[in-house]
Amino acid sequence: MSLSEQVEEALQSIRPYLIADGGDVAIEEITADNVVRLKLLGNCGSCKMSFMTMKAGIEQAIMKAVPAITAVQAINLAEPA
């Protein structure tokens, strides 16, 4: 199974929770140094809690399921001030 498929499988485990809140997430790319770059979609892109969703939910699910991944970034997420 490719790295992309493994990451997608990890996302499937949390996707129902994102969809329930009107959001979703898509893989934009996986870099040569195994950094996953994601785009938050729908409500996930504009929610004030999206930083926490990213760190506590999405990032942890991917890092736990796919140990080869070195980092997870959201390309359209502003960190809280």
PDB file of N, CA and C in Angstrom:
ATOM      1  N   MET A   1       0.851  -1.185   0.000  1.00  0.00           N
ATOM      2  CA  MET A   1       0.000   0.000   0.000  1.00  0.00           C
ATOM      3  C   MET A   1       0.896   1.248   0.000  1.00  0.00           C
ATOM      4  N   SER A   2       0.593   2.192  -0.875  1.00  0.00           N
ATOM      5  CA  SER A   2       1.404   3.404  -0.973  1.00  0.00           C
ATOM      6  C   SER A   2       1.206   4.298   0.255  1.00  0.00           C
ATOM      7  N   LEU A   3       2.141   5.217   0.423  1.00  0.00           N
ATOM      8  CA  LEU A   3       2.062   6.166   1.535  1.00  0.00           C
ATOM      9  C   LEU A   3       0.765   6.963   1.449  1.00  0.00           C
ATOM     10  N   SER A   4       0.418   7.387   0.246  1.00  0.00           N
ATOM     11  CA  SER A   4      -0.809   8.151   0.038  1.00  0.00           C
ATOM     12  C   SER A   4      -2.042   7.343   0.451  1.00  0.00           C
ATOM     13  N   GLU A   5      -2.058   6.073   0.082  1.00  0.00           N
ATOM     14  CA  GLU A   5      -3.183   5.206   0.448  1.00  0.00           C
ATOM     15  C   GLU A   5      -3.258   5.010   1.960  1.00  0.00           C
ATOM     16  N   GLN A   6      -2.102   4.890   2.606  1.00  0.00           N
ATOM     17  CA  GLN A   6      -2.086   4.738   4.062  1.00  0.00           C
ATOM     18  C   GLN A   6      -2.619   5.985   4.759  1.00  0.00           C
ATOM     19  N   VAL A   7      -2.223   7.151   4.268  1.00  0.00           N
ATOM     20  CA  VAL A   7      -2.702   8.410   4.848  1.00  0.00           C
ATOM     21  C   VAL A   7      -4.204   8.541   4.621  1.00  0.00           C
ATOM     22  N   GLU A   8      -4.658   8.206   3.431  1.00  0.00           N
ATOM     23  CA  GLU A   8      -6.083   8.282   3.119  1.00  0.00           C
ATOM     24  C   GLU A   8      -6.882   7.355   4.035  1.00  0.00           C
ATOM     25  N   GLU A   9      -6.341   6.176   4.304  1.00  0.00           N
ATOM     26  CA  GLU A   9      -7.006   5.228   5.206  1.00  0.00           C
ATOM     27  C   GLU A   9      -7.095   5.804   6.623  1.00  0.00           C
ATOM     28  N   ALA A  10      -6.039   6.460   7.073  1.00  0.00           N
ATOM     29  CA  ALA A  10      -6.053   7.102   8.396  1.00  0.00           C
ATOM     30  C   ALA A  10      -7.098   8.208   8.435  1.00  0.00           C
ATOM     31  N   LEU A  11      -7.200   8.975   7.351  1.00  0.00           N
ATOM     32  CA  LEU A  11      -8.197  10.046   7.296  1.00  0.00           C
ATOM     33  C   LEU A  11      -9.618   9.489   7.335  1.00  0.00           C
ATOM     34  N   GLN A  12      -9.823   8.330   6.719  1.00  0.00           N
ATOM     35  CA  GLN A  12     -11.156   7.717   6.727  1.00  0.00           C
ATOM     36  C   GLN A  12     -11.640   7.437   8.148  1.00  0.00           C
ATOM     37  N   SER A  13     -10.698   7.194   9.069  1.00  0.00           N
ATOM     38  CA  SER A  13     -11.090   6.895  10.451  1.00  0.00           C
ATOM     39  C   SER A  13     -11.665   8.114  11.170  1.00  0.00           C
ATOM     40  N   ILE A  14     -11.286   9.312  10.748  1.00  0.00           N
ATOM     41  CA  ILE A  14     -11.798  10.518  11.408  1.00  0.00           C
ATOM     42  C   ILE A  14     -12.736  11.337  10.529  1.00  0.00           C
ATOM     43  N   ARG A  15     -12.789  11.001   9.259  1.00  0.00           N
ATOM     44  CA  ARG A  15     -13.621  11.755   8.312  1.00  0.00           C
ATOM     45  C   ARG A  15     -15.095  11.857   8.747  1.00  0.00           C
ATOM     46  N   PRO A  16     -15.719  10.795   9.283  1.00  0.00           N
ATOM     47  CA  PRO A  16     -17.130  10.922   9.698  1.00  0.00           C
ATOM     48  C   PRO A  16     -17.367  12.049  10.709  1.00  0.00           C
ATOM     49  N   TYR A  17     -16.396  12.294  11.591  1.00  0.00           N
ATOM     50  CA  TYR A  17     -16.531  13.367  12.584  1.00  0.00           C
ATOM     51  C   TYR A  17     -16.438  14.735  11.913  1.00  0.00           C
ATOM     52  N   LEU A  18     -15.558  14.847  10.938  1.00  0.00           N
ATOM     53  CA  LEU A  18     -15.423  16.114  10.202  1.00  0.00           C
ATOM     54  C   LEU A  18     -16.682  16.402   9.396  1.00  0.00           C
ATOM     55  N   ILE A  19     -17.175  15.382   8.710  1.00  0.00           N
ATOM     56  CA  ILE A  19     -18.369  15.536   7.883  1.00  0.00           C
ATOM     57  C   ILE A  19     -19.583  15.886   8.741  1.00  0.00           C
ATOM     58  N   ALA A  20     -19.662  15.306   9.933  1.00  0.00           N
ATOM     59  CA  ALA A  20     -20.779  15.592  10.841  1.00  0.00           C
ATOM     60  C   ALA A  20     -20.836  17.073  11.206  1.00  0.00           C
ATOM     61  N   ASP A  21     -19.671  17.732  11.197  1.00  0.00           N
ATOM     62  CA  ASP A  21     -19.613  19.164  11.503  1.00  0.00           C
ATOM     63  C   ASP A  21     -19.567  20.026  10.246  1.00  0.00           C
ATOM     64  N   GLY A  22     -19.853  19.419   9.082  1.00  0.00           N
ATOM     65  CA  GLY A  22     -19.914  20.171   7.841  1.00  0.00           C
ATOM     66  C   GLY A  22     -18.569  20.421   7.184  1.00  0.00           C
ATOM     67  N   GLY A  23     -17.577  19.619   7.523  1.00  0.00           N
ATOM     68  CA  GLY A  23     -16.248  19.815   6.950  1.00  0.00           C
ATOM     69  C   GLY A  23     -15.691  18.542   6.353  1.00  0.00           C
ATOM     70  N   ASP A  24     -14.468  18.627   5.919  1.00  0.00           N
ATOM     71  CA  ASP A  24     -13.753  17.466   5.377  1.00  0.00           C
ATOM     72  C   ASP A  24     -12.292  17.873   5.225  1.00  0.00           C
ATOM     73  N   VAL A  25     -11.483  16.954   4.735  1.00  0.00           N
ATOM     74  CA  VAL A  25     -10.066  17.217   4.540  1.00  0.00           C
ATOM     75  C   VAL A  25      -9.612  16.484   3.286  1.00  0.00           C
ATOM     76  N   ALA A  26      -8.672  17.082   2.556  1.00  0.00           N
ATOM     77  CA  ALA A  26      -8.150  16.462   1.337  1.00  0.00           C
ATOM     78  C   ALA A  26      -6.629  16.523   1.358  1.00  0.00           C
ATOM     79  N   ILE A  27      -5.990  15.474   0.854  1.00  0.00           N
ATOM     80  CA  ILE A  27      -4.535  15.459   0.736  1.00  0.00           C
ATOM     81  C   ILE A  27      -4.144  16.322  -0.462  1.00  0.00           C
ATOM     82  N   GLU A  28      -3.313  17.323  -0.231  1.00  0.00           N
ATOM     83  CA  GLU A  28      -2.788  18.152  -1.318  1.00  0.00           C
ATOM     84  C   GLU A  28      -1.524  17.515  -1.877  1.00  0.00           C
ATOM     85  N   GLU A  29      -0.631  17.091  -0.978  1.00  0.00           N
ATOM     86  CA  GLU A  29       0.591  16.428  -1.416  1.00  0.00           C
ATOM     87  C   GLU A  29       1.265  15.739  -0.240  1.00  0.00           C
ATOM     88  N   ILE A  30       2.146  14.822  -0.563  1.00  0.00           N
ATOM     89  CA  ILE A  30       3.063  14.248   0.411  1.00  0.00           C
ATOM     90  C   ILE A  30       4.447  14.540  -0.148  1.00  0.00           C
ATOM     91  N   THR A  31       5.230  15.323   0.585  1.00  0.00           N
ATOM     92  CA  THR A  31       6.524  15.782   0.092  1.00  0.00           C
ATOM     93  C   THR A  31       7.557  14.653   0.115  1.00  0.00           C
ATOM     94  N   ALA A  32       8.701  14.927  -0.477  1.00  0.00           N
ATOM     95  CA  ALA A  32       9.789  13.946  -0.541  1.00  0.00           C
ATOM     96  C   ALA A  32      10.287  13.564   0.851  1.00  0.00           C
ATOM     97  N   ASP A  33      10.154  14.479   1.813  1.00  0.00           N
ATOM     98  CA  ASP A  33      10.577  14.155   3.185  1.00  0.00           C
ATOM     99  C   ASP A  33       9.397  13.718   4.057  1.00  0.00           C
ATOM    100  N   ASN A  34       8.353  13.196   3.404  1.00  0.00           N
ATOM    101  CA  ASN A  34       7.199  12.579   4.076  1.00  0.00           C
ATOM    102  C   ASN A  34       6.392  13.527   4.962  1.00  0.00           C
ATOM    103  N   VAL A  35       6.250  14.760   4.508  1.00  0.00           N
ATOM    104  CA  VAL A  35       5.359  15.714   5.168  1.00  0.00           C
ATOM    105  C   VAL A  35       4.040  15.698   4.401  1.00  0.00           C
ATOM    106  N   VAL A  36       2.949  15.450   5.126  1.00  0.00           N
ATOM    107  CA  VAL A  36       1.622  15.453   4.508  1.00  0.00           C
ATOM    108  C   VAL A  36       1.094  16.881   4.556  1.00  0.00           C
ATOM    109  N   ARG A  37       0.689  17.383   3.399  1.00  0.00           N
ATOM    110  CA  ARG A  37       0.092  18.713   3.309  1.00  0.00           C
ATOM    111  C   ARG A  37      -1.380  18.526   2.957  1.00  0.00           C
ATOM    112  N   LEU A  38      -2.237  19.033   3.846  1.00  0.00           N
ATOM    113  CA  LEU A  38      -3.680  18.845   3.720  1.00  0.00           C
ATOM    114  C   LEU A  38      -4.387  20.165   3.482  1.00  0.00           C
ATOM    115  N   LYS A  39      -5.561  20.066   2.898  1.00  0.00           N
ATOM    116  CA  LYS A  39      -6.436  21.230   2.757  1.00  0.00           C
ATOM    117  C   LYS A  39      -7.708  20.934   3.542  1.00  0.00           C
ATOM    118  N   LEU A  40      -8.040  21.830   4.463  1.00  0.00           N
ATOM    119  CA  LEU A  40      -9.278  21.692   5.224  1.00  0.00           C
ATOM    120  C   LEU A  40     -10.413  22.248   4.379  1.00  0.00           C
ATOM    121  N   LEU A  41     -11.498  21.507   4.305  1.00  0.00           N
ATOM    122  CA  LEU A  41     -12.617  21.859   3.437  1.00  0.00           C
ATOM    123  C   LEU A  41     -13.874  22.191   4.237  1.00  0.00           C
ATOM    124  N   GLY A  42     -14.779  22.920   3.620  1.00  0.00           N
ATOM    125  CA  GLY A  42     -16.059  23.242   4.258  1.00  0.00           C
ATOM    126  C   GLY A  42     -15.857  23.994   5.562  1.00  0.00           C
ATOM    127  N   ASN A  43     -16.624  23.619   6.566  1.00  0.00           N
ATOM    128  CA  ASN A  43     -16.539  24.293   7.863  1.00  0.00           C
ATOM    129  C   ASN A  43     -15.176  24.140   8.515  1.00  0.00           C
ATOM    130  N   CYS A  44     -14.444  23.086   8.188  1.00  0.00           N
ATOM    131  CA  CYS A  44     -13.123  22.882   8.790  1.00  0.00           C
ATOM    132  C   CYS A  44     -12.144  23.985   8.391  1.00  0.00           C
ATOM    133  N   GLY A  45     -12.358  24.582   7.239  1.00  0.00           N
ATOM    134  CA  GLY A  45     -11.470  25.648   6.792  1.00  0.00           C
ATOM    135  C   GLY A  45     -11.696  26.973   7.492  1.00  0.00           C
ATOM    136  N   SER A  46     -12.880  27.167   8.073  1.00  0.00           N
ATOM    137  CA  SER A  46     -13.200  28.451   8.677  1.00  0.00           C
ATOM    138  C   SER A  46     -13.537  28.377  10.165  1.00  0.00           C
ATOM    139  N   CYS A  47     -13.612  27.190  10.718  1.00  0.00           N
ATOM    140  CA  CYS A  47     -13.990  27.018  12.127  1.00  0.00           C
ATOM    141  C   CYS A  47     -12.893  27.522  13.061  1.00  0.00           C
ATOM    142  N   LYS A  48     -13.281  28.186  14.126  1.00  0.00           N
ATOM    143  CA  LYS A  48     -12.315  28.682  15.105  1.00  0.00           C
ATOM    144  C   LYS A  48     -11.582  27.539  15.817  1.00  0.00           C
ATOM    145  N   MET A  49     -12.173  26.359  15.824  1.00  0.00           N
ATOM    146  CA  MET A  49     -11.553  25.201  16.482  1.00  0.00           C
ATOM    147  C   MET A  49     -10.732  24.358  15.507  1.00  0.00           C
ATOM    148  N   SER A  50     -10.579  24.801  14.280  1.00  0.00           N
ATOM    149  CA  SER A  50      -9.902  23.969  13.281  1.00  0.00           C
ATOM    150  C   SER A  50      -8.448  23.685  13.644  1.00  0.00           C
ATOM    151  N   PHE A  51      -7.781  24.602  14.341  1.00  0.00           N
ATOM    152  CA  PHE A  51      -6.403  24.344  14.765  1.00  0.00           C
ATOM    153  C   PHE A  51      -6.356  23.144  15.704  1.00  0.00           C
ATOM    154  N   MET A  52      -7.306  23.095  16.645  1.00  0.00           N
ATOM    155  CA  MET A  52      -7.358  21.962  17.580  1.00  0.00           C
ATOM    156  C   MET A  52      -7.756  20.679  16.854  1.00  0.00           C
ATOM    157  N   THR A  53      -8.690  20.773  15.935  1.00  0.00           N
ATOM    158  CA  THR A  53      -9.090  19.601  15.141  1.00  0.00           C
ATOM    159  C   THR A  53      -7.877  19.064  14.388  1.00  0.00           C
ATOM    160  N   MET A  54      -7.097  19.958  13.836  1.00  0.00           N
ATOM    161  CA  MET A  54      -5.924  19.560  13.066  1.00  0.00           C
ATOM    162  C   MET A  54      -4.901  18.867  13.954  1.00  0.00           C
ATOM    163  N   LYS A  55      -4.566  19.486  15.080  1.00  0.00           N
ATOM    164  CA  LYS A  55      -3.519  18.957  15.956  1.00  0.00           C
ATOM    165  C   LYS A  55      -3.966  17.713  16.717  1.00  0.00           C
ATOM    166  N   ALA A  56      -5.133  17.774  17.343  1.00  0.00           N
ATOM    167  CA  ALA A  56      -5.571  16.689  18.219  1.00  0.00           C
ATOM    168  C   ALA A  56      -6.246  15.549  17.481  1.00  0.00           C
ATOM    169  N   GLY A  57      -6.772  15.836  16.307  1.00  0.00           N
ATOM    170  CA  GLY A  57      -7.504  14.799  15.591  1.00  0.00           C
ATOM    171  C   GLY A  57      -6.776  14.297  14.366  1.00  0.00           C
ATOM    172  N   ILE A  58      -6.691  15.135  13.371  1.00  0.00           N
ATOM    173  CA  ILE A  58      -6.158  14.738  12.073  1.00  0.00           C
ATOM    174  C   ILE A  58      -4.684  14.342  12.172  1.00  0.00           C
ATOM    175  N   GLU A  59      -3.865  15.220  12.754  1.00  0.00           N
ATOM    176  CA  GLU A  59      -2.428  14.951  12.841  1.00  0.00           C
ATOM    177  C   GLU A  59      -2.153  13.666  13.624  1.00  0.00           C
ATOM    178  N   GLN A  60      -2.807  13.506  14.761  1.00  0.00           N
ATOM    179  CA  GLN A  60      -2.574  12.309  15.576  1.00  0.00           C
ATOM    180  C   GLN A  60      -3.006  11.042  14.861  1.00  0.00           C
ATOM    181  N   ALA A  61      -4.125  11.082  14.174  1.00  0.00           N
ATOM    182  CA  ALA A  61      -4.605   9.898  13.456  1.00  0.00           C
ATOM    183  C   ALA A  61      -3.607   9.471  12.382  1.00  0.00           C
ATOM    184  N   ILE A  62      -3.082  10.448  11.651  1.00  0.00           N
ATOM    185  CA  ILE A  62      -2.124  10.130  10.585  1.00  0.00           C
ATOM    186  C   ILE A  62      -0.803   9.635  11.166  1.00  0.00           C
ATOM    187  N   MET A  63      -0.266  10.344  12.147  1.00  0.00           N
ATOM    188  CA  MET A  63       1.034   9.987  12.711  1.00  0.00           C
ATOM    189  C   MET A  63       1.000   8.607  13.379  1.00  0.00           C
ATOM    190  N   LYS A  64      -0.123   8.275  13.995  1.00  0.00           N
ATOM    191  CA  LYS A  64      -0.256   6.970  14.645  1.00  0.00           C
ATOM    192  C   LYS A  64      -0.370   5.844  13.612  1.00  0.00           C
ATOM    193  N   ALA A  65      -1.128   6.083  12.562  1.00  0.00           N
ATOM    194  CA  ALA A  65      -1.385   5.038  11.563  1.00  0.00           C
ATOM    195  C   ALA A  65      -0.246   4.873  10.557  1.00  0.00           C
ATOM    196  N   VAL A  66       0.502   5.955  10.318  1.00  0.00           N
ATOM    197  CA  VAL A  66       1.545   5.927   9.284  1.00  0.00           C
ATOM    198  C   VAL A  66       2.845   6.484   9.882  1.00  0.00           C
ATOM    199  N   PRO A  67       3.615   5.631  10.567  1.00  0.00           N
ATOM    200  CA  PRO A  67       4.828   6.097  11.248  1.00  0.00           C
ATOM    201  C   PRO A  67       5.870   6.746  10.328  1.00  0.00           C
ATOM    202  N   ALA A  68       5.834   6.449   9.043  1.00  0.00           N
ATOM    203  CA  ALA A  68       6.803   7.035   8.102  1.00  0.00           C
ATOM    204  C   ALA A  68       6.584   8.536   7.904  1.00  0.00           C
ATOM    205  N   ILE A  69       5.401   9.034   8.231  1.00  0.00           N
ATOM    206  CA  ILE A  69       5.100  10.456   8.064  1.00  0.00           C
ATOM    207  C   ILE A  69       5.838  11.254   9.139  1.00  0.00           C
ATOM    208  N   THR A  70       6.524  12.314   8.708  1.00  0.00           N
ATOM    209  CA  THR A  70       7.319  13.112   9.644  1.00  0.00           C
ATOM    210  C   THR A  70       6.573  14.325  10.191  1.00  0.00           C
ATOM    211  N   ALA A  71       5.585  14.821   9.448  1.00  0.00           N
ATOM    212  CA  ALA A  71       4.819  15.984   9.894  1.00  0.00           C
ATOM    213  C   ALA A  71       3.525  16.070   9.100  1.00  0.00           C
ATOM    214  N   VAL A  72       2.569  16.807   9.668  1.00  0.00           N
ATOM    215  CA  VAL A  72       1.286  17.038   9.006  1.00  0.00           C
ATOM    216  C   VAL A  72       1.027  18.539   9.048  1.00  0.00           C
ATOM    217  N   GLN A  73       0.731  19.119   7.888  1.00  0.00           N
ATOM    218  CA  GLN A  73       0.470  20.551   7.798  1.00  0.00           C
ATOM    219  C   GLN A  73      -0.833  20.789   7.054  1.00  0.00           C
ATOM    220  N   ALA A  74      -1.548  21.807   7.487  1.00  0.00           N
ATOM    221  CA  ALA A  74      -2.731  22.249   6.741  1.00  0.00           C
ATOM    222  C   ALA A  74      -2.325  23.502   5.984  1.00  0.00           C
ATOM    223  N   ILE A  75      -2.541  23.503   4.673  1.00  0.00           N
ATOM    224  CA  ILE A  75      -2.083  24.636   3.864  1.00  0.00           C
ATOM    225  C   ILE A  75      -2.973  25.867   4.011  1.00  0.00           C
ATOM    226  N   ASN A  76      -4.174  25.683   4.536  1.00  0.00           N
ATOM    227  CA  ASN A  76      -5.101  26.823   4.656  1.00  0.00           C
ATOM    228  C   ASN A  76      -5.560  27.032   6.079  1.00  0.00           C
ATOM    229  N   LEU A  77      -4.672  26.745   7.029  1.00  0.00           N
ATOM    230  CA  LEU A  77      -5.017  26.884   8.445  1.00  0.00           C
ATOM    231  C   LEU A  77      -4.194  27.981   9.063  1.00  0.00           C
ATOM    232  N   ALA A  78      -4.861  28.948   9.682  1.00  0.00           N
ATOM    233  CA  ALA A  78      -4.159  29.997  10.404  1.00  0.00           C
ATOM    234  C   ALA A  78      -4.043  29.587  11.864  1.00  0.00           C
ATOM    235  N   GLU A  79      -2.835  29.611  12.389  1.00  0.00           N
ATOM    236  CA  GLU A  79      -2.663  29.242  13.793  1.00  0.00           C
ATOM    237  C   GLU A  79      -3.263  30.342  14.675  1.00  0.00           C
ATOM    238  N   PRO A  80      -3.780  29.923  15.841  1.00  0.00           N
ATOM    239  CA  PRO A  80      -4.400  30.921  16.741  1.00  0.00           C
ATOM    240  C   PRO A  80      -3.362  31.926  17.243  1.00  0.00           C
ATOM    241  N   ALA A  81      -3.805  33.148  17.423  1.00  0.00           N
ATOM    242  CA  ALA A  81      -2.893  34.208  17.886  1.00  0.00           C
ATOM    243  C   ALA A  81      -2.571  34.060  19.353  1.00  0.00           C
TER     244      ALA A  81
END
